[in-house]
Amino acid sequence: MIYLIGSLRNTRAVLLGNRLRGAGVEVFDDWHAAGPEADDKWREYEQRRGRTYKEALRGEAAQHVYEFDLRHLQQCDGAILVLPCGKSGHLELGWMLGKGKPGFILMEGEPERWDVMYLFATEVCSTEDELMTALKDWGLKL
């Protein structure tokens, strides 16, 4: 199973998930169901309660989301980071790579700002077609 990592605000991850499923790949992207404002609503809720960010991270809501994502990251064989995304996505990809699992990055063409540390990734792809080829080369039957 492939874990699609991305931003709640980036619908490209869902579209890619559909394409992969259409090619016979088992994909996990259910985290996207929370909607594009989930993180904002969580912050607003915790701030109304008078909690700081650090306190909110120890709260039940944050722990539930974290454990949900972590459980699925653990179950997956590899991951695709769909850009643009933020810090959480990069941490998730780093966790996967640290566990020895393959991790691919899908960006939109050439990046505006270059980053050499993307060399940690199994493959960096500029298009979905390039990603599909990289996944085949990795051993997925598409």
N, C-alpha and C. Protein backbone atom coordinates (compact mmCIF):
# COMPACT_ATOMS: atom_id res chain seq x y z
N MET A 1 0.85 -1.18 0.00
CA MET A 1 0.00 0.00 0.00
C MET A 1 0.89 1.24 0.00
N ILE A 2 0.45 2.26 -0.73
CA ILE A 2 1.16 3.54 -0.81
C ILE A 2 0.42 4.57 0.03
N TYR A 3 1.14 5.29 0.85
CA TYR A 3 0.58 6.39 1.63
C TYR A 3 0.82 7.67 0.85
N LEU A 4 -0.26 8.36 0.49
CA LEU A 4 -0.13 9.65 -0.17
C LEU A 4 -0.04 10.72 0.90
N ILE A 5 1.04 11.46 0.90
CA ILE A 5 1.27 12.53 1.86
C ILE A 5 1.04 13.85 1.15
N GLY A 6 0.35 14.76 1.80
CA GLY A 6 0.14 16.06 1.18
C GLY A 6 -0.58 17.01 2.10
N SER A 7 -0.92 18.14 1.55
CA SER A 7 -1.63 19.18 2.27
C SER A 7 -3.13 18.96 2.18
N LEU A 8 -3.84 19.26 3.27
CA LEU A 8 -5.30 19.20 3.23
C LEU A 8 -5.86 20.18 2.21
N ARG A 9 -5.08 21.18 1.85
CA ARG A 9 -5.54 22.19 0.90
C ARG A 9 -5.16 21.86 -0.55
N ASN A 10 -4.48 20.76 -0.76
CA ASN A 10 -4.03 20.39 -2.10
C ASN A 10 -4.85 19.20 -2.60
N THR A 11 -5.81 19.46 -3.46
CA THR A 11 -6.68 18.39 -3.99
C THR A 11 -5.94 17.50 -4.99
N ARG A 12 -4.74 17.89 -5.37
CA ARG A 12 -3.96 17.08 -6.30
C ARG A 12 -3.69 15.68 -5.73
N ALA A 13 -3.55 15.59 -4.42
CA ALA A 13 -3.29 14.28 -3.79
C ALA A 13 -4.45 13.33 -4.03
N VAL A 14 -5.68 13.81 -3.90
CA VAL A 14 -6.85 12.95 -4.12
C VAL A 14 -6.93 12.50 -5.57
N LEU A 15 -6.66 13.41 -6.50
CA LEU A 15 -6.69 13.07 -7.92
C LEU A 15 -5.62 12.03 -8.25
N LEU A 16 -4.43 12.20 -7.67
CA LEU A 16 -3.37 11.22 -7.87
C LEU A 16 -3.78 9.87 -7.27
N GLY A 17 -4.39 9.91 -6.09
CA GLY A 17 -4.88 8.67 -5.48
C GLY A 17 -5.85 7.94 -6.39
N ASN A 18 -6.74 8.68 -7.01
CA ASN A 18 -7.70 8.07 -7.94
C ASN A 18 -6.98 7.45 -9.12
N ARG A 19 -5.98 8.14 -9.65
CA ARG A 19 -5.22 7.60 -10.78
C ARG A 19 -4.49 6.32 -10.38
N LEU A 20 -3.87 6.32 -9.22
CA LEU A 20 -3.15 5.13 -8.76
C LEU A 20 -4.10 3.97 -8.53
N ARG A 21 -5.25 4.25 -7.89
CA ARG A 21 -6.24 3.18 -7.68
C ARG A 21 -6.72 2.62 -9.02
N GLY A 22 -6.90 3.50 -10.00
CA GLY A 22 -7.30 3.08 -11.33
C GLY A 22 -6.27 2.17 -11.99
N ALA A 23 -5.02 2.31 -11.57
CA ALA A 23 -3.93 1.47 -12.09
C ALA A 23 -3.72 0.22 -11.24
N GLY A 24 -4.59 0.02 -10.25
CA GLY A 24 -4.52 -1.18 -9.43
C GLY A 24 -3.68 -1.07 -8.17
N VAL A 25 -3.28 0.13 -7.79
CA VAL A 25 -2.45 0.33 -6.60
C VAL A 25 -3.36 0.58 -5.40
N GLU A 26 -3.05 -0.07 -4.28
CA GLU A 26 -3.76 0.21 -3.03
C GLU A 26 -3.17 1.48 -2.44
N VAL A 27 -4.02 2.46 -2.17
CA VAL A 27 -3.59 3.79 -1.75
C VAL A 27 -4.29 4.18 -0.46
N PHE A 28 -3.55 4.80 0.45
CA PHE A 28 -4.16 5.40 1.63
C PHE A 28 -4.08 6.91 1.52
N ASP A 29 -5.25 7.55 1.45
CA ASP A 29 -5.33 9.01 1.45
C ASP A 29 -6.55 9.50 2.21
N ASP A 30 -7.07 8.66 3.10
CA ASP A 30 -8.27 9.00 3.87
C ASP A 30 -8.10 10.20 4.79
N TRP A 31 -6.86 10.54 5.11
CA TRP A 31 -6.60 11.72 5.95
C TRP A 31 -7.18 12.98 5.30
N HIS A 32 -7.35 12.95 3.98
CA HIS A 32 -7.83 14.12 3.25
C HIS A 32 -9.30 14.41 3.56
N ALA A 33 -10.02 13.45 4.09
CA ALA A 33 -11.45 13.63 4.39
C ALA A 33 -11.71 14.70 5.45
N ALA A 34 -10.69 15.05 6.23
CA ALA A 34 -10.86 16.07 7.27
C ALA A 34 -11.16 17.44 6.70
N GLY A 35 -10.81 17.65 5.44
CA GLY A 35 -11.12 18.91 4.78
C GLY A 35 -10.02 19.94 4.88
N PRO A 36 -10.07 20.95 4.00
CA PRO A 36 -8.97 21.92 3.88
C PRO A 36 -8.80 22.84 5.08
N GLU A 37 -9.78 22.94 5.95
CA GLU A 37 -9.68 23.85 7.09
C GLU A 37 -9.49 23.13 8.42
N ALA A 38 -9.25 21.82 8.38
CA ALA A 38 -9.18 21.04 9.62
C ALA A 38 -8.14 21.58 10.59
N ASP A 39 -6.94 21.87 10.12
CA ASP A 39 -5.89 22.38 11.01
C ASP A 39 -6.24 23.75 11.57
N ASP A 40 -6.85 24.58 10.73
CA ASP A 40 -7.26 25.92 11.18
C ASP A 40 -8.34 25.82 12.26
N LYS A 41 -9.30 24.93 12.05
CA LYS A 41 -10.39 24.77 13.02
C LYS A 41 -9.87 24.20 14.34
N TRP A 42 -8.92 23.27 14.25
CA TRP A 42 -8.30 22.72 15.47
C TRP A 42 -7.60 23.84 16.24
N ARG A 43 -6.82 24.67 15.55
CA ARG A 43 -6.13 25.79 16.20
C ARG A 43 -7.14 26.74 16.85
N GLU A 44 -8.17 27.12 16.13
CA GLU A 44 -9.19 28.04 16.67
C GLU A 44 -9.84 27.46 17.92
N TYR A 45 -10.18 26.20 17.87
CA TYR A 45 -10.80 25.53 19.02
C TYR A 45 -9.87 25.55 20.23
N GLU A 46 -8.62 25.17 20.02
CA GLU A 46 -7.66 25.11 21.13
C GLU A 46 -7.38 26.51 21.69
N GLN A 47 -7.31 27.50 20.82
CA GLN A 47 -7.08 28.87 21.29
C GLN A 47 -8.28 29.38 22.09
N ARG A 48 -9.48 29.03 21.68
CA ARG A 48 -10.67 29.42 22.47
C ARG A 48 -10.63 28.79 23.85
N ARG A 49 -10.02 27.64 23.96
CA ARG A 49 -9.87 26.97 25.25
C ARG A 49 -8.73 27.56 26.07
N GLY A 50 -7.97 28.45 25.45
CA GLY A 50 -6.85 29.08 26.16
C GLY A 50 -5.57 28.28 26.13
N ARG A 51 -5.49 27.32 25.25
CA ARG A 51 -4.30 26.48 25.17
C ARG A 51 -3.27 27.05 24.21
N THR A 52 -2.00 26.84 24.55
CA THR A 52 -0.90 27.16 23.64
C THR A 52 -0.77 26.01 22.64
N TYR A 53 0.05 26.25 21.64
CA TYR A 53 0.31 25.21 20.64
C TYR A 53 0.88 23.95 21.30
N LYS A 54 1.87 24.13 22.17
CA LYS A 54 2.47 22.98 22.84
C LYS A 54 1.45 22.22 23.69
N GLU A 55 0.57 22.93 24.36
CA GLU A 55 -0.47 22.28 25.15
C GLU A 55 -1.45 21.54 24.25
N ALA A 56 -1.81 22.16 23.13
CA ALA A 56 -2.76 21.55 22.20
C ALA A 56 -2.19 20.26 21.60
N LEU A 57 -0.88 20.22 21.36
CA LEU A 57 -0.26 19.01 20.83
C LEU A 57 -0.43 17.81 21.76
N ARG A 58 -0.55 18.08 23.06
CA ARG A 58 -0.73 17.00 24.03
C ARG A 58 -2.21 16.67 24.25
N GLY A 59 -3.09 17.40 23.59
CA GLY A 59 -4.53 17.19 23.75
C GLY A 59 -5.03 15.96 23.02
N GLU A 60 -6.22 15.55 23.38
CA GLU A 60 -6.86 14.36 22.82
C GLU A 60 -7.02 14.45 21.30
N ALA A 61 -7.46 15.59 20.80
CA ALA A 61 -7.69 15.73 19.35
C ALA A 61 -6.39 15.53 18.58
N ALA A 62 -5.34 16.21 18.99
CA ALA A 62 -4.06 16.09 18.29
C ALA A 62 -3.52 14.66 18.39
N GLN A 63 -3.62 14.06 19.54
CA GLN A 63 -3.13 12.70 19.72
C GLN A 63 -3.89 11.72 18.83
N HIS A 64 -5.20 11.92 18.71
CA HIS A 64 -6.02 11.04 17.88
C HIS A 64 -5.58 11.13 16.40
N VAL A 65 -5.43 12.33 15.90
CA VAL A 65 -5.02 12.51 14.50
C VAL A 65 -3.63 11.95 14.27
N TYR A 66 -2.71 12.23 15.19
CA TYR A 66 -1.35 11.73 15.09
C TYR A 66 -1.32 10.20 15.04
N GLU A 67 -2.04 9.55 15.95
CA GLU A 67 -2.05 8.09 16.01
C GLU A 67 -2.70 7.49 14.77
N PHE A 68 -3.73 8.14 14.25
CA PHE A 68 -4.39 7.69 13.01
C PHE A 68 -3.39 7.70 11.86
N ASP A 69 -2.71 8.82 11.68
CA ASP A 69 -1.74 8.93 10.59
C ASP A 69 -0.57 7.97 10.79
N LEU A 70 -0.04 7.92 12.00
CA LEU A 70 1.10 7.06 12.28
C LEU A 70 0.76 5.59 12.02
N ARG A 71 -0.41 5.16 12.45
CA ARG A 71 -0.80 3.75 12.23
C ARG A 71 -0.79 3.42 10.74
N HIS A 72 -1.29 4.33 9.92
CA HIS A 72 -1.32 4.07 8.48
C HIS A 72 0.06 4.20 7.84
N LEU A 73 0.87 5.11 8.33
CA LEU A 73 2.25 5.19 7.84
C LEU A 73 2.98 3.87 8.11
N GLN A 74 2.75 3.31 9.29
CA GLN A 74 3.40 2.06 9.66
C GLN A 74 2.95 0.90 8.77
N GLN A 75 1.71 0.93 8.34
CA GLN A 75 1.15 -0.16 7.54
C GLN A 75 1.53 -0.09 6.06
N CYS A 76 1.95 1.07 5.60
CA CYS A 76 2.23 1.27 4.18
C CYS A 76 3.63 0.79 3.81
N ASP A 77 3.76 0.42 2.54
CA ASP A 77 5.04 -0.06 2.01
C ASP A 77 5.92 1.08 1.49
N GLY A 78 5.30 2.21 1.18
CA GLY A 78 6.02 3.35 0.65
C GLY A 78 5.12 4.56 0.67
N ALA A 79 5.68 5.71 0.28
CA ALA A 79 4.91 6.95 0.34
C ALA A 79 5.25 7.85 -0.84
N ILE A 80 4.28 8.71 -1.14
CA ILE A 80 4.47 9.75 -2.15
C ILE A 80 4.12 11.07 -1.49
N LEU A 81 5.06 12.00 -1.48
CA LEU A 81 4.82 13.36 -0.99
C LEU A 81 4.38 14.20 -2.16
N VAL A 82 3.15 14.72 -2.10
CA VAL A 82 2.59 15.52 -3.18
C VAL A 82 2.74 17.00 -2.80
N LEU A 83 3.55 17.71 -3.57
CA LEU A 83 3.78 19.12 -3.32
C LEU A 83 2.74 19.98 -4.03
N PRO A 84 2.44 21.16 -3.56
CA PRO A 84 3.00 21.77 -2.37
C PRO A 84 2.36 21.23 -1.10
N CYS A 85 3.17 21.16 -0.07
CA CYS A 85 2.68 20.78 1.25
C CYS A 85 3.59 21.40 2.29
N GLY A 86 3.26 21.22 3.54
CA GLY A 86 3.98 21.89 4.60
C GLY A 86 4.90 20.99 5.40
N LYS A 87 5.13 21.44 6.62
CA LYS A 87 6.08 20.76 7.51
C LYS A 87 5.64 19.35 7.86
N SER A 88 4.37 19.15 8.13
CA SER A 88 3.90 17.82 8.52
C SER A 88 4.18 16.79 7.44
N GLY A 89 3.90 17.17 6.21
CA GLY A 89 4.15 16.24 5.11
C GLY A 89 5.62 15.87 4.99
N HIS A 90 6.48 16.85 5.15
CA HIS A 90 7.91 16.56 5.07
C HIS A 90 8.37 15.69 6.23
N LEU A 91 7.80 15.91 7.41
CA LEU A 91 8.14 15.05 8.55
C LEU A 91 7.67 13.62 8.31
N GLU A 92 6.47 13.46 7.76
CA GLU A 92 5.95 12.12 7.47
C GLU A 92 6.85 11.40 6.46
N LEU A 93 7.25 12.10 5.40
CA LEU A 93 8.14 11.49 4.41
C LEU A 93 9.47 11.12 5.06
N GLY A 94 10.02 12.00 5.88
CA GLY A 94 11.26 11.70 6.58
C GLY A 94 11.13 10.48 7.48
N TRP A 95 9.99 10.34 8.14
CA TRP A 95 9.75 9.18 9.00
C TRP A 95 9.77 7.90 8.16
N MET A 96 9.06 7.95 7.02
CA MET A 96 9.02 6.77 6.14
C MET A 96 10.42 6.40 5.65
N LEU A 97 11.17 7.39 5.19
CA LEU A 97 12.52 7.13 4.71
C LEU A 97 13.41 6.61 5.83
N GLY A 98 13.24 7.15 7.02
CA GLY A 98 14.01 6.69 8.18
C GLY A 98 13.72 5.25 8.55
N LYS A 99 12.54 4.79 8.20
CA LYS A 99 12.15 3.39 8.44
C LYS A 99 12.62 2.47 7.32
N GLY A 100 13.32 3.06 6.34
CA GLY A 100 13.82 2.26 5.23
C GLY A 100 12.80 2.01 4.14
N LYS A 101 11.69 2.73 4.18
CA LYS A 101 10.66 2.57 3.17
C LYS A 101 10.89 3.58 2.05
N PRO A 102 10.54 3.23 0.81
CA PRO A 102 10.74 4.17 -0.29
C PRO A 102 9.80 5.37 -0.17
N GLY A 103 10.31 6.51 -0.55
CA GLY A 103 9.52 7.74 -0.51
C GLY A 103 9.78 8.58 -1.75
N PHE A 104 8.73 8.86 -2.47
CA PHE A 104 8.82 9.62 -3.71
C PHE A 104 8.28 11.03 -3.49
N ILE A 105 8.79 11.98 -4.25
CA ILE A 105 8.30 13.36 -4.19
C ILE A 105 7.76 13.72 -5.56
N LEU A 106 6.53 14.21 -5.57
CA LEU A 106 5.91 14.70 -6.81
C LEU A 106 5.77 16.21 -6.69
N MET A 107 6.51 16.92 -7.54
CA MET A 107 6.41 18.38 -7.54
C MET A 107 5.77 18.83 -8.85
N GLU A 108 5.46 20.09 -8.92
CA GLU A 108 4.86 20.65 -10.13
C GLU A 108 5.94 21.32 -10.96
N GLY A 109 6.57 20.57 -11.84
CA GLY A 109 7.62 21.13 -12.68
C GLY A 109 8.88 21.42 -11.88
N GLU A 110 9.65 22.37 -12.35
CA GLU A 110 10.89 22.78 -11.68
C GLU A 110 10.56 23.61 -10.45
N PRO A 111 11.21 23.33 -9.32
CA PRO A 111 10.93 24.12 -8.12
C PRO A 111 11.52 25.52 -8.23
N GLU A 112 10.82 26.45 -7.60
CA GLU A 112 11.32 27.83 -7.55
C GLU A 112 12.58 27.91 -6.70
N ARG A 113 12.54 27.20 -5.58
CA ARG A 113 13.70 27.17 -4.67
C ARG A 113 14.23 25.74 -4.62
N TRP A 114 15.48 25.58 -4.91
CA TRP A 114 16.09 24.25 -4.92
C TRP A 114 16.49 23.84 -3.51
N ASP A 115 16.43 22.52 -3.24
CA ASP A 115 16.81 21.99 -1.94
C ASP A 115 17.52 20.67 -2.16
N VAL A 116 18.79 20.62 -1.80
CA VAL A 116 19.60 19.43 -2.03
C VAL A 116 19.14 18.24 -1.18
N MET A 117 18.48 18.48 -0.06
CA MET A 117 18.10 17.39 0.83
C MET A 117 16.98 16.50 0.27
N TYR A 118 16.40 16.90 -0.84
CA TYR A 118 15.45 16.01 -1.51
C TYR A 118 16.16 14.77 -2.04
N LEU A 119 17.49 14.77 -1.99
CA LEU A 119 18.25 13.57 -2.34
C LEU A 119 17.94 12.40 -1.39
N PHE A 120 17.39 12.68 -0.23
CA PHE A 120 16.97 11.60 0.66
C PHE A 120 15.87 10.76 0.02
N ALA A 121 15.06 11.36 -0.83
CA ALA A 121 13.92 10.67 -1.44
C ALA A 121 14.40 9.58 -2.39
N THR A 122 13.57 8.57 -2.55
CA THR A 122 13.85 7.50 -3.50
C THR A 122 13.92 8.06 -4.92
N GLU A 123 13.00 8.98 -5.21
CA GLU A 123 12.94 9.62 -6.54
C GLU A 123 12.18 10.93 -6.42
N VAL A 124 12.62 11.91 -7.17
CA VAL A 124 11.93 13.20 -7.27
C VAL A 124 11.39 13.30 -8.68
N CYS A 125 10.08 13.52 -8.79
CA CYS A 125 9.41 13.53 -10.09
C CYS A 125 8.72 14.87 -10.33
N SER A 126 8.76 15.29 -11.59
CA SER A 126 8.16 16.57 -11.96
C SER A 126 6.76 16.43 -12.55
N THR A 127 6.40 15.22 -12.96
CA THR A 127 5.07 14.99 -13.54
C THR A 127 4.52 13.67 -13.00
N GLU A 128 3.21 13.51 -13.12
CA GLU A 128 2.60 12.25 -12.69
C GLU A 128 3.08 11.08 -13.55
N ASP A 129 3.26 11.32 -14.85
CA ASP A 129 3.75 10.25 -15.72
C ASP A 129 5.15 9.80 -15.31
N GLU A 130 6.00 10.76 -14.95
CA GLU A 130 7.35 10.42 -14.47
C GLU A 130 7.25 9.62 -13.17
N LEU A 131 6.32 10.01 -12.29
CA LEU A 131 6.11 9.28 -11.05
C LEU A 131 5.66 7.85 -11.32
N MET A 132 4.73 7.68 -12.24
CA MET A 132 4.23 6.34 -12.56
C MET A 132 5.37 5.46 -13.06
N THR A 133 6.27 6.01 -13.87
CA THR A 133 7.43 5.26 -14.35
C THR A 133 8.34 4.89 -13.18
N ALA A 134 8.57 5.86 -12.27
CA ALA A 134 9.43 5.59 -11.10
C ALA A 134 8.82 4.50 -10.22
N LEU A 135 7.52 4.51 -10.06
CA LEU A 135 6.86 3.47 -9.25
C LEU A 135 6.98 2.11 -9.91
N LYS A 136 6.88 2.06 -11.23
CA LYS A 136 7.09 0.79 -11.96
C LYS A 136 8.51 0.30 -11.76
N ASP A 137 9.47 1.23 -11.90
CA ASP A 137 10.88 0.87 -11.72
C ASP A 137 11.15 0.35 -10.31
N TRP A 138 10.41 0.88 -9.34
CA TRP A 138 10.53 0.45 -7.94
C TRP A 138 9.96 -0.95 -7.75
N GLY A 139 9.05 -1.34 -8.63
CA GLY A 139 8.51 -2.70 -8.55
C GLY A 139 7.00 -2.79 -8.45
N LEU A 140 6.30 -1.67 -8.48
CA LEU A 140 4.84 -1.72 -8.46
C LEU A 140 4.34 -2.18 -9.82
N LYS A 141 3.37 -3.06 -9.81
CA LYS A 141 2.77 -3.51 -11.07
C LYS A 141 1.61 -2.58 -11.39
N LEU A 142 1.82 -1.70 -12.36
CA LEU A 142 0.80 -0.73 -12.77
C LEU A 142 0.21 -1.13 -14.10
